[in-house]
């Protein structure tokens, strides 16, 4: 069961109209997703169904951006004033709205480097440790000298400003997120156009896993498309729902409702590879069909995706291997890389 993708504009305190994204088919909120519920637990500020759901309190290995860990960044954690930040960076136009605040374009004043600025909300104030999101970005995207070299965007700098975590990230120019990219080309891609996108996505996630990171919030909005070359290059952003990779079961989930793997709802647990492959399947379906394959918990658990008869047998096989309801029947990332449709 699918519905056409739609991004509506809404307005609320502290946001600009048009900055938030939603589908009309389901509801969501800024909270940890709970098994056995059609929507996340309601809190003060309901979010669009395409917004990552996070919690501020969680286990180190399974939580999102506001957990702290021993800092592996080359810079020691330190608190800065707003003036310190503004001495180095200029904040420019707003690009969008995330789960905990606005996202802005910016530039580094010393060399005019184009950057992306996000405010990830209040942190715990422990200056000897750094937020997990910082560690995940360093692992996945490398140190500042690695700008442009990895599938994940690089964290250029980060500040604790008045108890807010401000992340300064690489901003490829020109680029656009995959949601808007699809809108510019009519809502979806033909199979042969989608194939190189999926090949990049699979390789991207295999690389991120190899670096010890589980993203957990793969969706169109978290994929940047670099449009400055004949062949668009895809880049991964927003590790705020991510955690450290492990071989065992995860028993907490932070992510976007429409991309939640069915085993979370039915069993209350999931494995890293199976979760990522499920989300890759949802992404590919949206790229090909211009709609989500599932819109509610019930559909995710019990309904099969409506796969177009116009797709080739190889493409259909890959989709089915990604969107298998049983995680043990789902393809692994390694198997996806070897799949005939991508080779």
Protein backbone atom coordinates (compact mmCIF):
# COMPACT_ATOMS: atom_id res chain seq x y z
CA UNK A 1 0.00 0.00 0.00
CA UNK A 2 1.61 3.26 -1.08
CA UNK A 3 0.71 6.92 -1.26
CA UNK A 4 2.20 9.70 -3.31
CA UNK A 5 5.08 11.47 -1.64
CA UNK A 6 4.16 14.93 -0.42
CA UNK A 7 6.04 17.59 1.56
CA UNK A 8 3.68 20.12 3.11
CA UNK A 9 4.54 23.45 4.71
CA UNK A 10 3.60 23.99 8.33
CA UNK A 11 4.35 26.74 10.80
CA UNK A 12 5.06 26.57 14.52
CA UNK A 13 6.97 28.49 17.15
CA UNK A 14 10.64 28.77 16.27
CA UNK A 15 10.40 27.51 12.68
CA UNK A 16 9.93 28.90 9.20
CA UNK A 17 7.05 27.87 6.98
CA UNK A 18 8.17 25.21 4.56
CA UNK A 19 11.08 23.98 6.70
CA UNK A 20 9.39 20.84 8.00
CA UNK A 21 8.49 17.75 6.02
CA UNK A 22 5.54 15.42 6.33
CA UNK A 23 3.43 12.80 4.70
CA UNK A 24 -0.30 13.07 5.25
CA UNK A 25 -0.65 9.29 5.54
CA UNK A 26 0.72 8.94 9.09
CA UNK A 27 1.58 10.87 12.25
CA UNK A 28 4.82 11.08 14.17
CA UNK A 29 6.49 12.94 17.04
CA UNK A 30 9.87 13.73 18.50
CA UNK A 31 10.28 10.65 20.68
CA UNK A 32 11.72 7.20 20.86
CA UNK A 33 9.75 4.73 18.73
CA UNK A 34 8.04 2.10 20.86
CA UNK A 35 7.21 -1.39 19.69
CA UNK A 36 3.52 -2.23 19.35
CA UNK A 37 2.41 1.31 18.55
CA UNK A 38 1.35 2.80 15.23
CA UNK A 39 3.04 6.10 16.00
CA UNK A 40 5.78 7.23 18.40
CA UNK A 41 4.80 8.30 21.93
CA UNK A 42 3.49 11.86 21.86
CA UNK A 43 5.53 14.66 23.42
CA UNK A 44 5.26 18.43 23.39
CA UNK A 45 6.16 19.20 19.77
CA UNK A 46 4.65 16.78 17.23
CA UNK A 47 6.89 16.37 14.20
CA UNK A 48 6.24 15.40 10.62
CA UNK A 49 6.24 11.69 9.83
CA UNK A 50 9.47 12.09 7.89
CA UNK A 51 11.31 13.52 10.92
CA UNK A 52 13.68 11.37 12.94
CA UNK A 53 12.39 10.49 16.40
CA UNK A 54 15.00 10.82 19.13
CA UNK A 55 15.21 10.66 22.90
CA UNK A 56 17.66 12.61 25.05
CA UNK A 57 18.25 9.75 27.48
CA UNK A 58 19.55 6.42 26.23
CA UNK A 59 22.20 3.74 26.39
CA UNK A 60 25.64 4.64 24.99
CA UNK A 61 25.67 1.90 22.35
CA UNK A 62 22.06 2.30 21.26
CA UNK A 63 21.28 6.00 21.66
CA UNK A 64 21.29 9.11 19.51
CA UNK A 65 23.00 12.44 19.42
CA UNK A 66 22.73 13.63 23.02
CA UNK A 67 24.57 10.76 24.64
CA UNK A 68 28.24 11.48 25.43
CA UNK A 69 31.28 9.28 24.96
CA UNK A 70 35.06 9.69 25.40
CA UNK A 71 36.01 12.16 22.70
CA UNK A 72 37.88 10.74 19.70
CA UNK A 73 37.94 14.04 17.85
CA UNK A 74 41.38 15.69 17.71
CA UNK A 75 39.89 18.72 19.48
CA UNK A 76 39.17 18.57 23.21
CA UNK A 77 35.62 19.37 24.20
CA UNK A 78 35.30 23.03 25.21
CA UNK A 79 32.54 25.53 25.83
CA UNK A 80 32.44 28.62 23.62
CA UNK A 81 30.53 31.88 23.64
CA UNK A 82 28.33 32.90 20.74
CA UNK A 83 30.93 35.54 19.87
CA UNK A 84 33.67 32.88 19.60
CA UNK A 85 31.56 30.96 17.11
CA UNK A 86 30.67 34.07 15.10
CA UNK A 87 34.35 35.05 14.88
CA UNK A 88 34.99 31.90 12.81
CA UNK A 89 31.72 31.30 10.95
CA UNK A 90 28.97 33.30 9.29
CA UNK A 91 25.43 31.93 9.48
CA UNK A 92 23.48 32.39 6.25
CA UNK A 93 20.08 31.28 4.94
CA UNK A 94 18.04 28.53 6.56
CA UNK A 95 18.11 25.25 4.65
CA UNK A 96 15.54 23.31 6.66
CA UNK A 97 14.41 22.06 10.03
CA UNK A 98 15.75 19.02 11.88
CA UNK A 99 14.47 17.08 14.86
CA UNK A 100 15.99 19.50 17.39
CA UNK A 101 16.47 22.74 15.47
CA UNK A 102 17.08 24.59 12.25
CA UNK A 103 19.74 23.83 9.63
CA UNK A 104 21.57 26.76 8.05
CA UNK A 105 24.00 27.38 5.24
CA UNK A 106 27.17 29.07 6.38
CA UNK A 107 30.76 29.84 5.54
CA UNK A 108 34.09 29.73 7.33
CA UNK A 109 35.40 33.28 7.33
CA UNK A 110 39.12 32.51 7.00
CA UNK A 111 38.84 30.71 3.65
CA UNK A 112 35.18 31.02 2.58
CA UNK A 113 34.63 27.25 2.96
CA UNK A 114 30.90 26.52 2.47
CA UNK A 115 29.49 24.72 5.51
CA UNK A 116 26.23 23.40 6.92
CA UNK A 117 25.34 24.50 10.47
CA UNK A 118 23.01 22.55 12.74
CA UNK A 119 21.98 23.17 16.30
CA UNK A 120 21.40 19.80 17.97
CA UNK A 121 19.85 21.10 21.16
CA UNK A 122 20.80 21.02 24.83
CA UNK A 123 23.58 18.66 25.89
CA UNK A 124 24.52 17.41 29.33
CA UNK A 125 27.32 19.90 29.96
CA UNK A 126 30.05 17.29 30.55
CA UNK A 127 32.92 19.06 28.83
CA UNK A 128 35.37 16.15 29.17
CA UNK A 129 33.25 14.02 26.88
CA UNK A 130 31.73 14.66 23.46
CA UNK A 131 28.26 13.88 22.14
CA UNK A 132 27.88 10.54 20.39
CA UNK A 133 26.80 12.29 17.18
CA UNK A 134 30.22 13.98 17.00
CA UNK A 135 32.01 10.66 17.44
CA UNK A 136 29.85 8.96 14.79
CA UNK A 137 30.53 11.74 12.28
CA UNK A 138 34.29 11.56 12.90
CA UNK A 139 34.21 7.79 12.43
CA UNK A 140 32.09 7.91 9.27
CA UNK A 141 33.33 11.11 7.63
CA UNK A 142 36.88 11.43 8.91
CA UNK A 143 38.76 14.39 10.34
CA UNK A 144 38.44 17.88 8.75
CA UNK A 145 41.31 17.17 6.35
CA UNK A 146 39.16 14.45 4.74
CA UNK A 147 36.58 16.85 3.30
CA UNK A 148 35.08 15.34 0.17
CA UNK A 149 36.83 11.99 0.48
CA UNK A 150 34.13 9.87 2.16
CA UNK A 151 30.52 8.94 1.44
CA UNK A 152 29.49 10.64 4.68
CA UNK A 153 29.94 14.39 4.90
CA UNK A 154 32.84 15.46 7.08
CA UNK A 155 32.43 17.19 10.44
CA UNK A 156 34.54 20.34 10.10
CA UNK A 157 34.12 21.68 13.64
CA UNK A 158 31.79 21.60 16.62
CA UNK A 159 30.98 23.95 19.48
CA UNK A 160 29.23 23.89 22.79
CA UNK A 161 27.57 27.30 22.72
CA UNK A 162 25.40 28.17 25.69
CA UNK A 163 24.73 24.44 26.31
CA UNK A 164 23.71 23.92 22.66
CA UNK A 165 25.68 21.60 20.41
CA UNK A 166 26.48 23.37 17.12
CA UNK A 167 27.80 21.12 14.36
CA UNK A 168 29.74 22.61 11.44
CA UNK A 169 29.70 20.21 8.51
CA UNK A 170 31.01 20.09 4.99
CA UNK A 171 28.43 21.47 2.54
CA UNK A 172 28.97 20.33 -1.05
CA UNK A 173 28.03 23.06 -3.52
CA UNK A 174 25.93 22.66 -5.56
CA UNK A 175 23.88 19.97 -3.84
CA UNK A 176 20.27 19.20 -2.95
CA UNK A 177 18.70 16.52 -0.81
CA UNK A 178 17.31 13.46 -2.58
CA UNK A 179 13.70 14.36 -1.71
CA UNK A 180 13.92 17.67 -3.55
CA UNK A 181 16.05 16.13 -6.30
CA UNK A 182 13.26 13.68 -7.12
CA UNK A 183 10.76 16.53 -7.14
CA UNK A 184 12.85 18.35 -9.75
CA UNK A 185 12.82 15.31 -12.08
CA UNK A 186 9.12 14.56 -11.82
CA UNK A 187 8.94 12.57 -8.57
CA UNK A 188 10.77 9.36 -9.49
CA UNK A 189 13.52 7.87 -11.65
CA UNK A 190 13.42 5.27 -14.38
CA UNK A 191 15.00 1.94 -13.48
CA UNK A 192 18.24 2.56 -15.39
CA UNK A 193 18.55 5.99 -13.78
CA UNK A 194 17.88 4.57 -10.32
CA UNK A 195 20.46 1.79 -10.62
CA UNK A 196 23.61 3.96 -10.14
CA UNK A 197 21.88 5.72 -7.22
CA UNK A 198 21.19 2.41 -5.49
CA UNK A 199 24.70 1.16 -6.22
CA UNK A 200 26.12 4.24 -4.50
CA UNK A 201 23.73 3.86 -1.55
CA UNK A 202 24.69 0.24 -0.96
CA UNK A 203 28.42 1.01 -1.19
CA UNK A 204 27.93 4.04 1.07
CA UNK A 205 26.29 2.01 3.81
CA UNK A 206 28.81 -0.82 3.54
CA UNK A 207 31.54 1.78 4.10
CA UNK A 208 29.73 3.39 7.04
CA UNK A 209 29.24 -0.02 8.69
CA UNK A 210 32.92 -0.85 8.09
CA UNK A 211 33.76 2.31 10.04
CA UNK A 212 31.74 1.09 13.02
CA UNK A 213 28.63 3.23 12.63
CA UNK A 214 24.91 2.38 12.35
CA UNK A 215 23.01 5.34 10.91
CA UNK A 216 19.40 4.13 11.52
CA UNK A 217 17.73 7.08 9.80
CA UNK A 218 18.25 6.47 6.10
CA UNK A 219 15.68 8.47 4.15
CA UNK A 220 15.51 10.77 1.15
CA UNK A 221 16.11 13.87 3.29
CA UNK A 222 19.36 12.48 4.70
CA UNK A 223 20.95 11.85 1.30
CA UNK A 224 22.60 14.81 -0.43
CA UNK A 225 22.93 14.75 -4.20
CA UNK A 226 25.96 16.62 -5.54
CA UNK A 227 24.73 18.03 -8.83
CA UNK A 228 27.88 19.70 -10.14
CA UNK A 229 28.93 16.77 -12.35
CA UNK A 230 27.30 14.67 -15.08
CA UNK A 231 27.00 11.73 -12.68
CA UNK A 232 25.40 12.85 -9.38
CA UNK A 233 27.35 11.83 -6.28
CA UNK A 234 25.44 10.85 -3.14
CA UNK A 235 26.53 11.86 0.37
CA UNK A 236 25.15 10.81 3.77
CA UNK A 237 24.16 13.37 6.43
CA UNK A 238 22.55 13.54 9.91
CA UNK A 239 23.84 10.95 12.37
CA UNK A 240 21.61 12.17 15.19
CA UNK A 241 19.68 8.88 15.38
CA UNK A 242 22.80 6.76 14.95
CA UNK A 243 24.83 4.59 17.28
CA UNK A 244 27.91 2.42 17.37
CA UNK A 245 27.75 -0.74 15.29
CA UNK A 246 27.63 -4.09 17.10
CA UNK A 247 27.02 -7.71 16.15
CA UNK A 248 24.23 -8.35 18.63
CA UNK A 249 20.62 -7.29 18.89
CA UNK A 250 19.52 -3.70 19.40
CA UNK A 251 16.60 -3.25 21.76
CA UNK A 252 15.97 0.47 21.27
CA UNK A 253 15.16 2.23 18.01
CA UNK A 254 15.58 5.85 17.03
CA UNK A 255 14.60 6.78 13.50
CA UNK A 256 11.76 7.71 11.16
CA UNK A 257 8.50 5.80 11.39
CA UNK A 258 8.07 5.07 7.68
CA UNK A 259 11.51 3.44 7.54
CA UNK A 260 11.22 1.31 10.68
CA UNK A 261 11.94 -2.41 10.07
CA UNK A 262 8.99 -4.71 10.85
CA UNK A 263 10.90 -6.81 13.41
CA UNK A 264 11.06 -3.78 15.70
CA UNK A 265 7.26 -3.70 15.88
CA UNK A 266 6.82 -7.48 16.15
CA UNK A 267 9.82 -8.48 18.29
CA UNK A 268 11.12 -5.29 19.89
CA UNK A 269 14.63 -5.85 18.53
CA UNK A 270 16.64 -5.78 15.30
CA UNK A 271 20.14 -6.26 13.91
CA UNK A 272 22.24 -3.59 12.23
CA UNK A 273 22.61 -5.13 8.78
CA UNK A 274 18.95 -6.12 8.49
CA UNK A 275 17.78 -2.65 9.59
CA UNK A 276 20.00 -0.88 7.06
CA UNK A 277 19.01 -3.20 4.20
CA UNK A 278 15.30 -2.68 4.98
CA UNK A 279 15.78 1.10 4.84
CA UNK A 280 17.71 0.79 1.56
CA UNK A 281 14.74 -1.12 0.15
CA UNK A 282 12.33 1.63 1.21
CA UNK A 283 14.63 4.21 -0.39
CA UNK A 284 14.84 2.31 -3.68
CA UNK A 285 11.06 1.88 -3.78
CA UNK A 286 10.57 5.64 -3.25
CA UNK A 287 13.15 6.47 -5.93
CA UNK A 288 11.42 4.19 -8.45
CA UNK A 289 7.78 4.77 -7.53
CA UNK A 290 7.64 8.28 -6.06
CA UNK A 291 5.78 6.94 -3.03
CA UNK A 292 6.42 5.11 0.22
CA UNK A 293 5.86 1.33 0.16
CA UNK A 294 4.23 1.45 3.63
CA UNK A 295 2.52 4.21 5.58
CA UNK A 296 1.50 2.64 8.90
CA UNK A 297 2.80 0.12 11.41
CA UNK A 298 0.14 -2.36 10.25
CA UNK A 299 1.26 -2.07 6.63
CA UNK A 300 4.92 -2.43 7.59
CA UNK A 301 4.13 -5.62 9.52
CA UNK A 302 1.60 -7.36 7.31
CA UNK A 303 1.32 -5.93 3.79
CA UNK A 304 3.54 -6.60 0.80
CA UNK A 305 4.79 -3.66 -1.27
CA UNK A 306 2.98 -2.97 -4.53
CA UNK A 307 5.86 -3.56 -6.94
CA UNK A 308 5.27 -2.32 -10.48
CA UNK A 309 5.08 -4.97 -13.20
CA UNK A 310 7.11 -2.59 -15.38
CA UNK A 311 10.28 -3.25 -13.35
CA UNK A 312 12.76 -5.82 -14.59
CA UNK A 313 12.92 -9.22 -12.81
CA UNK A 314 16.34 -8.30 -11.41
CA UNK A 315 15.13 -5.04 -9.91
CA UNK A 316 12.04 -6.72 -8.48
CA UNK A 317 14.21 -9.45 -6.94
CA UNK A 318 16.46 -6.91 -5.25
CA UNK A 319 13.48 -5.03 -3.83
CA UNK A 320 11.97 -8.23 -2.47
CA UNK A 321 15.28 -9.23 -0.89
CA UNK A 322 15.48 -5.85 0.85
CA UNK A 323 11.85 -5.73 1.97
CA UNK A 324 11.44 -9.27 3.23
CA UNK A 325 9.37 -9.19 6.43
CA UNK A 326 11.61 -11.82 8.03
CA UNK A 327 15.06 -10.33 8.74
CA UNK A 328 16.86 -13.68 8.30
CA UNK A 329 15.49 -13.85 4.74
CA UNK A 330 16.64 -10.33 3.96
CA UNK A 331 19.80 -9.87 1.91
CA UNK A 332 22.96 -8.70 3.65
CA UNK A 333 24.83 -5.60 2.52
CA UNK A 334 27.52 -7.85 1.08
CA UNK A 335 24.91 -9.80 -0.89
CA UNK A 336 23.41 -6.57 -2.21
CA UNK A 337 26.81 -5.47 -3.47
CA UNK A 338 27.04 -8.71 -5.46
CA UNK A 339 23.45 -8.64 -6.73
CA UNK A 340 23.23 -9.01 -10.54
CA UNK A 341 20.96 -5.97 -10.93
CA UNK A 342 23.72 -3.72 -9.57
CA UNK A 343 26.52 -5.31 -11.57
